Structures are given as C-alpha cells and as structure tokens.
Protein backbone atom coordinates (compact mmCIF):
# COMPACT_ATOMS: atom_id res chain seq x y z
CA MET A 1 9.55 8.70 7.12
CA SER A 2 7.17 10.77 8.48
CA LEU A 3 4.26 8.68 10.41
CA LEU A 4 0.45 9.58 8.78
CA LEU A 5 -1.10 6.59 11.14
CA ASP A 6 -0.80 4.81 14.17
CA ARG A 7 -3.93 2.62 15.23
CA SER A 8 -4.59 -0.91 16.51
CA GLY A 9 -0.73 -2.34 15.87
CA VAL A 10 -0.73 -0.76 12.11
CA ARG A 11 1.71 2.11 11.17
CA LEU A 12 1.48 3.86 7.83
CA SER A 13 4.74 6.35 6.93
CA ALA A 14 4.90 8.33 4.14
CA GLY A 15 8.64 9.56 2.83
CA ARG A 16 10.19 10.66 -0.50
CA GLU A 17 9.57 7.09 -2.51
CA GLY A 18 5.80 6.74 -0.95
CA LEU A 19 3.74 4.54 1.00
CA ALA A 20 5.40 1.75 3.97
CA VAL A 21 2.67 0.01 6.01
CA SER A 22 3.62 -2.35 9.14
CA GLY A 23 1.58 -4.55 11.56
CA VAL A 24 -1.55 -6.51 11.79
CA VAL A 25 -3.85 -5.32 8.75
CA GLY A 26 -7.37 -6.06 9.53
CA PHE A 27 -10.82 -4.79 8.38
CA ASP A 28 -11.04 -2.55 11.42
CA VAL A 29 -8.57 -0.48 10.80
CA ALA A 30 -8.44 -0.87 6.34
CA ALA A 31 -11.01 2.00 6.29
CA VAL A 32 -8.93 4.25 8.05
CA LEU A 33 -5.68 3.45 6.58
CA ALA A 34 -7.04 3.71 2.99
CA ALA A 35 -8.46 7.28 3.78
CA THR A 36 -4.94 8.51 5.07
CA GLY A 37 -2.91 6.92 2.36
CA SER A 38 -5.51 8.62 -0.30
CA ASP A 39 -4.93 11.66 1.30
CA TRP A 40 -1.71 11.74 1.24
CA LEU A 41 -1.33 10.86 -2.36
CA ALA A 42 -3.63 13.35 -3.86
CA ASP A 43 -1.74 15.91 -2.18
CA GLN A 44 1.17 14.54 -4.51
CA SER A 45 2.24 16.15 -8.14
CA ALA A 46 0.66 14.71 -10.94
CA GLY A 47 3.59 12.63 -12.50
CA THR A 48 5.09 11.95 -9.01
CA ARG A 49 6.62 8.02 -9.02
CA VAL A 50 5.56 6.12 -5.91
CA ASP A 51 5.90 2.73 -4.53
CA PHE A 52 3.99 0.94 -1.97
CA ASP A 53 6.25 -0.99 0.48
CA LEU A 54 3.88 -3.53 2.78
CA ARG A 55 6.51 -6.00 3.38
CA GLY A 56 6.16 -5.10 7.19
CA VAL A 57 2.48 -6.37 6.56
CA ALA A 58 1.91 -9.31 9.41
CA GLY A 59 0.46 -12.16 7.96
CA VAL A 60 -1.88 -13.04 4.77
CA SER A 61 -4.31 -10.21 4.74
CA SER A 62 -6.92 -9.19 2.13
CA ALA A 63 -7.46 -6.54 4.11
CA ALA A 64 -4.34 -4.81 3.49
CA LEU A 65 -4.31 -5.86 -0.33
CA SER A 66 -7.91 -3.76 -0.64
CA VAL A 67 -6.19 -1.47 0.97
CA LEU A 68 -3.26 -1.37 -2.05
CA LEU A 69 -6.15 -1.50 -4.72
CA GLU A 70 -7.51 1.45 -3.52
CA TRP A 71 -4.40 3.40 -3.05
CA THR A 72 -3.11 2.18 -7.05
CA ARG A 73 -6.65 3.07 -8.02
CA ARG A 74 -6.55 6.74 -6.15
CA ALA A 75 -2.45 6.97 -7.64
CA ARG A 76 -3.30 6.55 -10.98
CA LEU A 77 -6.46 9.14 -10.87
CA ALA A 78 -4.30 11.14 -9.62
CA GLY A 79 -1.84 10.98 -12.16
CA LEU A 80 0.97 9.31 -10.31
CA GLU A 81 2.89 6.32 -11.85
CA VAL A 82 2.78 3.62 -9.01
CA ARG A 83 6.51 2.62 -9.42
CA ALA A 84 6.76 -0.31 -7.46
CA VAL A 85 5.07 -2.20 -4.84
CA ARG A 86 6.68 -4.38 -2.41
CA LEU A 87 4.90 -7.39 -0.01
CA SER A 88 5.88 -9.66 2.45
CA PRO A 89 5.77 -13.30 1.68
CA PRO A 90 2.26 -14.20 2.65
CA LEU A 91 0.73 -10.86 0.41
CA ILE A 92 2.82 -12.19 -2.18
CA ARG A 93 1.23 -15.73 -2.25
CA LEU A 94 -2.20 -14.08 -1.74
CA THR A 95 -1.71 -11.43 -4.64
CA ARG A 96 -1.14 -14.58 -6.95
CA LEU A 97 -3.92 -16.68 -6.05
CA ALA A 98 -6.55 -13.99 -6.39
CA GLY A 99 -4.72 -12.84 -9.83
CA LEU A 100 -3.80 -9.56 -8.99
CA ASP A 101 0.09 -10.23 -9.62
CA ARG A 102 -0.63 -8.83 -12.74
CA LEU A 103 -2.53 -5.68 -12.45
CA LEU A 104 0.51 -4.99 -9.69
CA PRO A 105 4.40 -3.53 -10.12
CA LEU A 106 5.38 -6.14 -7.55
CA ASP A 107 9.04 -6.35 -6.98
CA GLU A 108 9.60 -9.77 -6.31
CA ALA A 109 13.06 -8.52 -5.75
CA ALA A 110 12.59 -6.19 -2.65
C-alpha cells in the first residue's frame, strides 16, 4: 500500500485492490480526500477492478459517504469496475438508513 494522503488524522492508501481510508472523516478533509482518490482512480486503466475499504473510518460520517459516492461516480466514468465496498459497522448502518446500500456493492462479510 502506498500512502496518498495523511491529513488531520485521516489516511488514504492505495494498493493493488484499490483505496483504503482510516480516521475520522469530517467535511474539513472530505474535499481533499475525494480529489486525491479521484486522481488515483483516473490513473487506472479502463476495466480495472477496484475496492473501496472504509472499515477504518471511525464513527458515523456522512462526509465519508459523500467521498465514497464521488469515488464510485469517478470510477464508473473512468470505465473501472467497483468490485467491493467495505464499510465499518456504523457506516453500514448509515448507508442503509440513507438507502444507499442498494447502489453499492457492499461486502458485509469483510
């Protein structure tokens, strides 16, 4: 994994499988997090399969879900396949509450 961002206690790493986020994601860091991940996605070849791992995100964060939705949109525009989305239990609950669970390939076994 290579570290793409380390700001305000939030870390974004990229590896063969995709992007991984940890920390408390607030709106103060969401824009730079979304942009950094989007840049990485834009550098991937069309047809690449990627995962988004947000199991390390602490607490319930609508900012983190906003970033995730932006990455999902960017991945599709780049012709990438979002293979799996892994969320922390609080983010799974928020995703279900917002009705976003039907839009994402959630990997709840992770």
